[in-house]
Amino acid sequence: MFTVDTLLNDGFMGDNHQVIAIQEQVEQQLGPRFRKGAVLKDNDPESANALEKTLTTADQHILIVSGSHGYDFIKKVRKLVAEKKPIVIWVGHQDPGLIAEETLFKLVGLPTHVTEGNPALELTFKERLVAMQAVPNTLKADELSGEKAKWNSTYPEEQIPDAPEGYIGVFLGGDAPEPNNRYHYWSEENAHQLGQKFGQMALQSGKFLLITNGPRTGKFYPNSQDLETINPSTGKLNDPVVRQSENIAWLSYHSLTAEHKMSPDKNRIPHALGAPLDPVSAAFIQGVIDSGLNQARYRFIDFQFGKSAYKAIISALVEPTQSKSIACYSAESISYAEIGYFAENTFGFRVDSMNEGHQRALQRFSEQIHFIGVLDWTRPLAEQSLDITLKQQWIQQCGNKDAEHVAQSLLRMINRPAEQQIPTKQVLPDPLAYAFQALSTQQDGTTPITSEQSQRLVLEQ
């Protein structure tokens, strides 16, 4: 039997969706050998102890984790992983430094735009590296069909109205990290500008503007990574400081105590039930208002922990009577691209918290596989459309199979005889290990090298 445990994080819903999607596919691949295990959270200080207790059972454990936060958690429990030997599967949008900790991860999944041109990753992980075409996701068409009605029944004060001319569904992301944990912040100024643009788009098109945000929207105090101090346990920059409220107003960063910074009250942070609207979302809505769009023509629904309109809004966009609707997501939230599997006309839009990896993902999704479009603010909405034929061809050939491919790779690994298991870097002599770290550049440290060149470099060491 295989017990499949998952490691989630309340602040990263997209990463959670990837983990759950892979768990679902692992269950299908393992069949009767599957047993659902513990659901842990890497932002819970008790998770390390909980994992140790979980790994005491006789089953072979499979632990699925995601994102830099999941990567850092596994590093912290490396002794436990070495002793209990769970099969750790890591999946994410960007490489947090996997080669340095290669022995901890039996299988890793990264987007194609990250793995391409990175021979070091390919040579280090070999068949244990799964290049993903898009985004593993948990959305299912049959589950979406009733979500709008369910939302309207549960939250009558925030009903999603019918829209004869269709909806413009807008999904807001937020602050986003680089692989070294250096954050890019979504500014209030940029949010206000985009709110104005979407308001003008709704005015010109006659569509109803339907907006929601997520757990990272307005989450941190900008530029609060404490003067770029390094966390010795991770070797990366410390996390930014989470915003905190008092008496329905946000505290200024300079008024925070050391305790505020180290241990924020979860009931006083952005998107907690009863917390004030975060400043970035508020700036976006003010932009909509400043565009001149009548209040009856838009609806903003704030994400709160335990209350999300994400599925309900997608449900509204894909109703059979809503062929005129479009979906728009902030492109630093790569996981939002999953909407494109259901909403025919899905567009990404740029925000100032995007990093280079987000830019490459947007380019690949729009220009190479034609899965989504990119909003062009210089053109009317009526002139912006996708090549639906190319999009459908890609979906039929490759789309929405990333989680399945990760699970299939796991099954091949499990079924492979022990003598055929792929060795990890720990059995290689030191010169080869050094070569793996040098593969992304020529020996002059500047020019990218090819896969063929990198193989010669290994042999020469």
Protein backbone atom coordinates (compact mmCIF):
# COMPACT_ATOMS: atom_id res chain seq x y z
CA MET A 1 0.00 0.00 0.00
CA PHE A 2 1.02 3.57 -0.63
CA THR A 3 -0.14 6.34 1.69
CA VAL A 4 -0.21 9.67 -0.15
CA ASP A 5 0.28 12.70 2.09
CA THR A 6 -0.03 16.30 0.93
CA LEU A 7 1.62 19.52 2.07
CA LEU A 8 -0.45 22.66 1.48
CA ASN A 9 -0.21 26.35 2.40
CA ASP A 10 -3.10 28.73 3.13
CA GLY A 11 -1.37 31.58 1.32
CA PHE A 12 -0.73 29.85 -2.01
CA MET A 13 -3.99 28.53 -3.44
CA GLY A 14 -2.51 27.87 -6.90
CA ASP A 15 0.21 25.68 -5.43
CA ASN A 16 -2.43 23.81 -3.42
CA HIS A 17 -4.41 23.13 -6.58
CA GLN A 18 -1.35 21.58 -8.21
CA VAL A 19 -0.76 19.29 -5.23
CA ILE A 20 -4.39 18.15 -5.08
CA ALA A 21 -4.54 17.60 -8.86
CA ILE A 22 -1.50 15.35 -8.70
CA GLN A 23 -2.88 13.48 -5.69
CA GLU A 24 -6.08 12.77 -7.62
CA GLN A 25 -4.11 11.38 -10.55
CA VAL A 26 -1.86 9.30 -8.28
CA GLU A 27 -5.01 7.76 -6.81
CA GLN A 28 -6.18 6.80 -10.31
CA GLN A 29 -2.79 5.34 -11.24
CA LEU A 30 -2.33 3.35 -8.02
CA GLY A 31 -5.92 2.11 -7.81
CA PRO A 32 -6.39 -0.26 -4.85
CA ARG A 33 -2.83 0.38 -3.70
CA PHE A 34 -3.71 4.01 -2.88
CA ARG A 35 -4.49 5.23 0.62
CA LYS A 36 -5.19 8.90 1.31
CA GLY A 37 -2.91 10.17 4.03
CA ALA A 38 -2.36 13.30 6.09
CA VAL A 39 -3.06 16.83 4.90
CA LEU A 40 -0.33 19.03 6.37
CA LYS A 41 0.41 22.74 6.04
CA ASP A 42 3.95 24.00 5.71
CA ASN A 43 2.96 27.31 7.34
CA ASP A 44 1.90 25.43 10.49
CA PRO A 45 4.80 25.19 13.00
CA GLU A 46 3.50 21.78 14.14
CA SER A 47 3.68 20.23 10.67
CA ALA A 48 7.17 18.80 11.11
CA ASN A 49 6.06 16.86 14.21
CA ALA A 50 2.85 15.82 12.46
CA LEU A 51 4.82 14.51 9.50
CA GLU A 52 7.09 12.49 11.77
CA LYS A 53 4.05 10.82 13.33
CA THR A 54 2.51 10.22 9.92
CA LEU A 55 5.61 8.47 8.60
CA THR A 56 5.54 5.87 11.39
CA THR A 57 2.95 3.72 9.59
CA ALA A 58 4.07 0.64 7.69
CA ASP A 59 2.98 1.86 4.23
CA GLN A 60 5.37 3.39 1.75
CA HIS A 61 4.59 7.11 2.00
CA ILE A 62 4.37 9.49 -0.94
CA LEU A 63 4.54 13.19 0.01
CA ILE A 64 3.43 15.77 -2.58
CA VAL A 65 4.65 19.35 -2.05
CA SER A 66 4.72 22.53 -4.11
CA GLY A 67 6.36 25.93 -4.36
CA SER A 68 9.39 27.43 -2.66
CA HIS A 69 7.58 27.14 0.67
CA GLY A 70 7.22 23.37 0.22
CA TYR A 71 10.84 23.14 -0.90
CA ASP A 72 12.04 24.98 2.21
CA PHE A 73 9.91 22.74 4.45
CA ILE A 74 11.51 19.58 3.01
CA LYS A 75 14.96 21.08 3.58
CA LYS A 76 14.07 21.64 7.24
CA VAL A 77 13.02 18.00 7.70
CA ARG A 78 15.86 16.51 5.64
CA LYS A 79 16.93 14.15 8.45
CA LEU A 80 13.41 12.78 8.71
CA VAL A 81 13.23 12.33 4.93
CA ALA A 82 16.58 10.51 4.92
CA GLU A 83 15.49 8.22 7.75
CA LYS A 84 11.91 7.40 6.73
CA LYS A 85 12.48 7.60 2.96
CA PRO A 86 9.12 8.89 1.75
CA ILE A 87 8.82 9.41 -2.00
CA VAL A 88 8.80 13.21 -2.18
CA ILE A 89 7.21 14.76 -5.27
CA TRP A 90 7.79 18.47 -5.77
CA VAL A 91 5.93 20.59 -8.33
CA GLY A 92 6.03 24.33 -8.99
CA HIS A 93 6.19 27.26 -11.39
CA GLN A 94 9.86 28.16 -10.89
CA ASP A 95 13.00 26.38 -9.73
CA PRO A 96 13.76 27.27 -6.07
CA GLY A 97 17.21 25.62 -6.23
CA LEU A 98 16.36 21.97 -6.78
CA ILE A 99 19.82 20.84 -7.93
CA ALA A 100 21.38 21.79 -4.60
CA GLU A 101 18.90 19.51 -2.77
CA GLU A 102 18.46 16.91 -5.50
CA THR A 103 18.66 13.91 -3.18
CA LEU A 104 15.56 15.01 -1.25
CA PHE A 105 13.20 14.84 -4.23
CA LYS A 106 12.38 11.64 -6.10
CA LEU A 107 10.29 13.40 -8.75
CA VAL A 108 9.96 17.05 -9.76
CA GLY A 109 7.59 18.83 -12.12
CA LEU A 110 8.39 22.17 -13.74
CA PRO A 111 6.92 24.09 -16.68
CA THR A 112 8.51 23.57 -20.06
CA HIS A 113 9.57 27.22 -20.25
CA VAL A 114 11.73 26.58 -17.15
CA THR A 115 13.21 23.24 -18.15
CA GLU A 116 14.04 24.24 -21.73
CA GLY A 117 17.55 25.58 -21.98
CA ASN A 118 18.47 24.25 -18.53
CA PRO A 119 20.65 21.20 -19.18
CA ALA A 120 21.76 21.12 -15.55
CA LEU A 121 18.24 20.25 -14.42
CA GLU A 122 17.82 17.67 -17.16
CA LEU A 123 21.16 15.97 -16.49
CA THR A 124 20.69 15.99 -12.72
CA PHE A 125 17.15 14.62 -12.55
CA LYS A 126 16.99 12.74 -15.87
CA GLU A 127 13.71 10.77 -15.96
CA ARG A 128 12.74 12.18 -12.58
CA LEU A 129 12.10 15.56 -14.19
CA VAL A 130 8.62 16.06 -15.69
CA ALA A 131 8.34 19.01 -18.08
CA MET A 132 4.80 20.33 -17.75
CA GLN A 133 2.98 21.93 -20.66
CA ALA A 134 0.76 24.26 -18.62
CA VAL A 135 -0.72 23.97 -15.10
CA PRO A 136 -1.98 20.94 -13.13
CA ASN A 137 -5.47 21.86 -11.98
CA THR A 138 -8.43 20.54 -10.04
CA LEU A 139 -11.26 22.27 -11.93
CA LYS A 140 -13.80 19.99 -13.59
CA ALA A 141 -16.47 21.09 -16.05
CA ASP A 142 -19.27 19.11 -14.38
CA GLU A 143 -18.46 20.67 -10.99
CA LEU A 144 -18.48 24.22 -12.36
CA SER A 145 -21.96 24.04 -13.83
CA GLY A 146 -23.83 24.74 -10.59
CA GLU A 147 -21.35 26.96 -8.79
CA LYS A 148 -22.94 30.28 -9.75
CA ALA A 149 -26.38 29.21 -8.49
CA LYS A 150 -24.83 27.79 -5.33
CA TRP A 151 -23.01 31.06 -4.66
CA ASN A 152 -26.12 33.17 -5.24
CA SER A 153 -28.09 31.01 -2.84
CA THR A 154 -25.39 31.10 -0.14
CA TYR A 155 -24.48 34.79 -0.45
CA PRO A 156 -27.61 36.63 -1.66
CA GLU A 157 -26.09 40.01 -0.75
CA GLU A 158 -23.24 39.35 -3.22
CA GLN A 159 -25.20 37.70 -6.01
CA ILE A 160 -23.72 37.37 -9.47
CA PRO A 161 -26.39 38.90 -11.73
CA ASP A 162 -27.26 37.73 -15.21
CA ALA A 163 -25.49 39.61 -18.00
CA PRO A 164 -27.13 39.56 -21.47
CA GLU A 165 -24.03 41.10 -23.08
CA GLY A 166 -21.67 38.77 -21.23
CA TYR A 167 -19.18 39.20 -18.43
CA ILE A 168 -15.64 40.46 -18.15
CA GLY A 169 -14.32 38.20 -15.40
CA VAL A 170 -11.22 39.62 -13.72
CA PHE A 171 -9.04 37.53 -11.40
CA LEU A 172 -6.50 39.53 -9.40
CA GLY A 173 -3.25 38.07 -8.11
CA GLY A 174 -0.71 39.87 -5.95
CA ASP A 175 2.83 39.98 -4.63
CA ALA A 176 5.10 37.28 -6.05
CA PRO A 177 8.59 35.97 -5.22
CA GLU A 178 11.68 35.27 -7.28
CA PRO A 179 13.36 31.88 -6.72
CA ASN A 180 15.65 33.56 -4.15
CA ASN A 181 12.54 34.83 -2.31
CA ARG A 182 13.05 38.44 -3.41
CA TYR A 183 9.48 39.70 -3.76
CA HIS A 184 7.92 41.79 -6.50
CA TYR A 185 5.05 43.84 -5.10
CA TRP A 186 1.86 44.75 -6.90
CA SER A 187 1.63 48.48 -6.31
CA GLU A 188 -1.52 50.41 -5.51
CA GLU A 189 -0.70 52.76 -8.40
CA ASN A 190 -0.61 49.96 -10.96
CA ALA A 191 -3.78 48.41 -9.50
CA HIS A 192 -5.59 51.75 -9.81
CA GLN A 193 -4.51 52.15 -13.44
CA LEU A 194 -5.72 48.65 -14.30
CA GLY A 195 -9.02 49.22 -12.52
CA GLN A 196 -9.59 52.28 -14.71
CA LYS A 197 -8.76 50.29 -17.85
CA PHE A 198 -11.14 47.48 -17.00
CA GLY A 199 -13.86 49.99 -16.13
CA GLN A 200 -13.40 51.65 -19.51
CA MET A 201 -13.46 48.24 -21.20
CA ALA A 202 -16.80 47.44 -19.56
CA LEU A 203 -18.19 50.84 -20.58
CA GLN A 204 -17.17 50.38 -24.21
CA SER A 205 -18.25 46.75 -24.54
CA GLY A 206 -21.50 46.85 -22.54
CA LYS A 207 -20.40 43.78 -20.55
CA PHE A 208 -20.78 43.30 -16.80
CA LEU A 209 -17.50 43.57 -14.88
CA LEU A 210 -17.07 40.73 -12.38
CA ILE A 211 -13.98 40.92 -10.17
CA THR A 212 -12.37 38.83 -7.46
CA ASN A 213 -8.94 38.70 -5.84
CA GLY A 214 -6.86 36.10 -4.01
CA PRO A 215 -4.86 35.49 -0.81
CA ARG A 216 -1.74 37.25 -2.16
CA THR A 217 -3.52 40.47 -3.17
CA GLY A 218 -2.16 43.26 -0.97
CA LYS A 219 -0.71 40.69 1.42
CA PHE A 220 2.61 42.32 2.32
CA TYR A 221 4.03 45.69 3.27
CA PRO A 222 6.03 46.67 0.16
CA ASN A 223 9.81 46.65 0.50
CA SER A 224 9.64 45.19 4.00
CA GLN A 225 12.15 42.38 3.69
CA ASP A 226 14.10 43.94 6.54
CA LEU A 227 16.95 45.43 4.54
CA GLU A 228 17.56 42.23 2.58
CA THR A 229 18.52 40.13 5.61
CA ILE A 230 19.21 36.47 4.92
CA ASN A 231 17.43 33.68 6.77
CA PRO A 232 20.27 31.34 7.83
CA SER A 233 17.99 28.27 7.82
CA THR A 234 17.04 28.73 4.15
CA GLY A 235 19.89 30.80 2.73
CA LYS A 236 17.27 33.08 1.17
CA LEU A 237 15.86 36.49 1.94
CA ASN A 238 13.42 36.64 4.84
CA ASP A 239 9.76 36.84 3.89
CA PRO A 240 8.22 40.30 3.67
CA VAL A 241 6.08 41.43 6.60
CA VAL A 242 2.38 40.61 6.35
CA ARG A 243 -0.02 43.57 6.61
CA GLN A 244 -1.94 43.80 9.88
CA SER A 245 -5.05 45.72 10.86
CA GLU A 246 -6.35 47.33 14.01
CA ASN A 247 -9.84 48.74 14.46
CA ILE A 248 -10.69 48.09 10.78
CA ALA A 249 -7.69 50.12 9.56
CA TRP A 250 -4.30 48.94 8.33
CA LEU A 251 -1.33 49.66 10.58
CA SER A 252 1.63 51.45 9.04
CA TYR A 253 4.79 49.40 8.71
CA HIS A 254 6.74 51.76 10.98
CA SER A 255 4.20 51.32 13.78
CA LEU A 256 4.67 47.55 13.96
CA THR A 257 6.34 45.93 16.93
CA ALA A 258 8.82 43.06 16.64
CA GLU A 259 6.02 40.70 17.67
CA HIS A 260 3.80 42.04 14.89
CA LYS A 261 6.53 41.27 12.38
CA MET A 262 7.42 37.82 13.67
CA SER A 263 3.99 36.52 14.66
CA PRO A 264 1.14 38.27 12.82
CA ASP A 265 -2.33 37.62 14.18
CA LYS A 266 -4.09 35.50 11.53
CA ASN A 267 -7.36 37.26 12.35
CA ARG A 268 -5.91 40.67 11.46
CA ILE A 269 -4.20 39.99 8.13
CA PRO A 270 -5.52 40.61 4.61
CA HIS A 271 -8.46 38.40 3.64
CA ALA A 272 -9.18 37.21 7.16
CA LEU A 273 -12.90 37.15 7.88
CA GLY A 274 -13.85 40.61 9.06
CA ALA A 275 -10.57 42.26 8.02
CA PRO A 276 -10.73 45.50 6.01
CA LEU A 277 -10.28 45.36 2.24
CA ASP A 278 -6.60 45.24 1.38
CA PRO A 279 -5.14 48.48 -0.07
CA VAL A 280 -4.29 47.01 -3.50
CA SER A 281 -7.81 45.72 -4.11
CA ALA A 282 -9.19 49.01 -2.81
CA ALA A 283 -7.02 50.90 -5.31
CA PHE A 284 -8.25 48.68 -8.15
CA ILE A 285 -11.88 49.31 -7.23
CA GLN A 286 -11.23 53.03 -6.96
CA GLY A 287 -9.87 52.86 -10.50
CA VAL A 288 -13.09 51.22 -11.66
CA ILE A 289 -15.09 53.98 -9.98
CA ASP A 290 -12.88 56.67 -11.52
CA SER A 291 -13.50 55.18 -14.97
CA GLY A 292 -17.13 56.32 -14.68
CA LEU A 293 -18.60 52.82 -14.70
CA ASN A 294 -21.92 52.78 -12.86
CA GLN A 295 -21.95 50.73 -9.66
CA ALA A 296 -24.76 48.60 -11.07
CA ARG A 297 -22.42 47.48 -13.86
CA TYR A 298 -19.76 45.77 -11.74
CA ARG A 299 -19.46 43.43 -8.78
CA PHE A 300 -16.34 42.95 -6.67
CA ILE A 301 -16.17 39.91 -4.40
CA ASP A 302 -13.32 39.87 -1.88
CA PHE A 303 -11.55 36.55 -1.34
CA GLN A 304 -11.56 35.59 2.32
CA PHE A 305 -10.16 32.48 3.92
CA GLY A 306 -13.09 30.09 3.91
CA LYS A 307 -15.00 32.11 1.31
CA SER A 308 -14.01 32.19 -2.35
CA ALA A 309 -16.02 33.15 -5.44
CA TYR A 310 -13.39 31.74 -7.81
CA LYS A 311 -15.41 28.78 -9.07
CA ALA A 312 -18.68 30.73 -9.05
CA ILE A 313 -17.25 33.40 -11.34
CA ILE A 314 -15.79 30.83 -13.73
CA SER A 315 -19.19 29.10 -13.69
CA ALA A 316 -20.82 32.38 -14.74
CA LEU A 317 -18.30 32.86 -17.56
CA VAL A 318 -18.85 29.43 -19.08
CA GLU A 319 -22.64 29.25 -18.95
CA PRO A 320 -24.02 28.19 -22.36
CA THR A 321 -25.76 31.56 -22.71
CA GLN A 322 -22.54 33.48 -22.02
CA SER A 323 -20.56 32.96 -25.24
CA LYS A 324 -19.80 36.70 -25.23
CA SER A 325 -17.92 36.52 -21.92
CA ILE A 326 -14.16 36.75 -21.49
CA ALA A 327 -11.85 35.84 -18.60
CA CYS A 328 -8.87 38.02 -17.65
CA TYR A 329 -6.24 37.08 -15.06
CA SER A 330 -3.15 38.84 -13.71
CA ALA A 331 -0.29 36.98 -15.31
CA GLU A 332 1.92 36.71 -12.22
CA SER A 333 -0.62 34.10 -11.05
CA ILE A 334 0.32 31.33 -13.46
CA SER A 335 -2.15 28.92 -11.87
CA TYR A 336 -5.03 31.14 -13.05
CA ALA A 337 -4.19 29.99 -16.58
CA GLU A 338 -6.26 26.88 -15.79
CA ILE A 339 -9.32 29.03 -16.50
CA GLY A 340 -8.36 28.74 -20.16
CA TYR A 341 -9.42 25.09 -20.21
CA PHE A 342 -13.01 26.18 -19.59
CA ALA A 343 -13.43 29.79 -20.74
CA GLU A 344 -12.77 29.90 -24.47
CA ASN A 345 -11.62 33.52 -24.49
CA THR A 346 -9.10 33.78 -21.66
CA PHE A 347 -6.52 36.57 -21.53
CA GLY A 348 -3.60 37.35 -19.27
CA PHE A 349 -2.76 40.92 -18.35
CA ARG A 350 0.54 42.24 -17.07
CA VAL A 351 0.99 43.65 -13.57
CA ASP A 352 4.08 45.15 -11.99
CA SER A 353 4.67 42.19 -9.65
CA MET A 354 5.59 39.88 -12.55
CA ASN A 355 9.10 38.44 -12.70
CA GLU A 356 11.00 37.04 -15.67
CA GLY A 357 9.51 33.58 -15.21
CA HIS A 358 5.98 34.98 -15.36
CA GLN A 359 6.86 36.83 -18.56
CA ARG A 360 8.19 33.62 -20.15
CA ALA A 361 5.07 31.70 -19.10
CA LEU A 362 2.80 34.34 -20.59
CA GLN A 363 4.78 34.31 -23.83
CA ARG A 364 4.68 30.52 -24.07
CA PHE A 365 0.96 30.26 -23.30
CA SER A 366 0.03 32.97 -25.80
CA GLU A 367 2.57 32.66 -28.63
CA GLN A 368 3.68 29.01 -28.66
CA ILE A 369 0.68 26.94 -27.63
CA HIS A 370 -2.04 29.59 -28.24
CA PHE A 371 -3.77 28.62 -25.02
CA ILE A 372 -4.56 32.16 -23.89
CA GLY A 373 -4.28 35.68 -25.27
CA VAL A 374 -2.61 38.79 -23.86
CA LEU A 375 -4.73 41.89 -23.33
CA ASP A 376 -3.69 44.74 -25.59
CA TRP A 377 -4.90 47.97 -24.00
CA THR A 378 -4.39 49.90 -27.25
CA ARG A 379 -7.13 47.94 -29.04
CA PRO A 380 -10.88 47.67 -28.41
CA LEU A 381 -12.08 44.45 -26.81
CA ALA A 382 -14.03 43.55 -29.95
CA GLU A 383 -10.75 43.33 -31.88
CA GLN A 384 -9.10 40.97 -29.41
CA SER A 385 -9.71 37.28 -29.90
CA LEU A 386 -7.86 33.98 -29.81
CA ASP A 387 -7.27 31.53 -32.61
CA ILE A 388 -9.72 29.02 -31.18
CA THR A 389 -8.77 26.36 -33.73
CA LEU A 390 -5.12 26.38 -32.63
CA LYS A 391 -6.16 26.45 -28.99
CA GLN A 392 -8.45 23.43 -29.35
CA GLN A 393 -5.80 21.52 -31.28
CA TRP A 394 -3.32 22.01 -28.48
CA ILE A 395 -5.84 21.06 -25.78
CA GLN A 396 -6.76 17.87 -27.65
CA GLN A 397 -3.13 16.88 -28.14
CA CYS A 398 -1.47 17.99 -24.90
CA GLY A 399 -3.75 20.02 -22.70
CA ASN A 400 -4.74 19.39 -19.11
CA LYS A 401 -2.58 16.29 -18.75
CA ASP A 402 0.26 17.60 -16.58
CA ALA A 403 -0.95 16.04 -13.33
CA GLU A 404 -1.53 12.75 -15.16
CA HIS A 405 2.02 12.82 -16.57
CA VAL A 406 3.51 13.38 -13.11
CA ALA A 407 1.46 10.47 -11.71
CA GLN A 408 2.48 8.20 -14.60
CA SER A 409 6.14 9.03 -14.01
CA LEU A 410 5.66 8.09 -10.36
CA LEU A 411 4.08 4.78 -11.34
CA ARG A 412 6.98 3.94 -13.66
CA MET A 413 9.39 4.73 -10.83
CA ILE A 414 7.49 2.54 -8.37
CA ASN A 415 7.25 -0.37 -10.77
CA ARG A 416 10.89 -0.22 -11.89
CA PRO A 417 13.04 -2.99 -10.37
CA ALA A 418 15.37 -1.74 -7.65
CA GLU A 419 18.49 -2.45 -9.71
CA GLN A 420 17.16 -0.18 -12.45
CA GLN A 421 16.36 2.78 -10.20
CA ILE A 422 17.98 6.00 -11.35
CA PRO A 423 20.82 6.94 -8.96
CA THR A 424 20.75 10.32 -7.29
CA LYS A 425 23.62 12.74 -7.14
CA GLN A 426 24.86 11.39 -3.82
CA VAL A 427 26.54 8.42 -5.57
CA LEU A 428 28.46 10.58 -8.03
CA PRO A 429 32.09 11.61 -7.49
CA ASP A 430 32.63 15.21 -6.48
CA PRO A 431 33.94 16.44 -9.88
CA LEU A 432 30.70 15.39 -11.54
CA ALA A 433 28.66 17.08 -8.86
CA TYR A 434 30.64 20.27 -9.51
CA ALA A 435 29.99 19.96 -13.23
CA PHE A 436 26.25 19.74 -12.72
CA GLN A 437 26.30 23.13 -11.00
CA ALA A 438 28.26 24.70 -13.86
CA LEU A 439 26.19 23.47 -16.77
CA SER A 440 24.07 26.55 -17.39
CA THR A 441 27.03 28.66 -18.60
CA GLN A 442 30.30 28.31 -20.45
CA GLN A 443 33.46 28.25 -18.37
CA ASP A 444 33.82 32.01 -18.93
CA GLY A 445 30.58 32.41 -16.98
CA THR A 446 28.70 34.23 -19.74
CA THR A 447 27.52 32.27 -22.75
CA PRO A 448 24.71 29.70 -22.38
CA ILE A 449 25.76 26.23 -23.50
CA THR A 450 23.88 23.51 -25.30
CA SER A 451 22.85 20.14 -23.93
CA GLU A 452 25.53 18.49 -26.09
CA GLN A 453 28.21 20.84 -24.76
CA SER A 454 27.10 20.22 -21.20
CA GLN A 455 27.45 16.45 -21.66
CA ARG A 456 31.03 16.95 -22.88
CA LEU A 457 31.72 19.12 -19.84
CA VAL A 458 30.62 16.32 -17.52
CA LEU A 459 32.88 13.82 -19.27
CA GLU A 460 35.84 16.17 -19.09
CA GLN A 461 35.65 16.64 -15.32
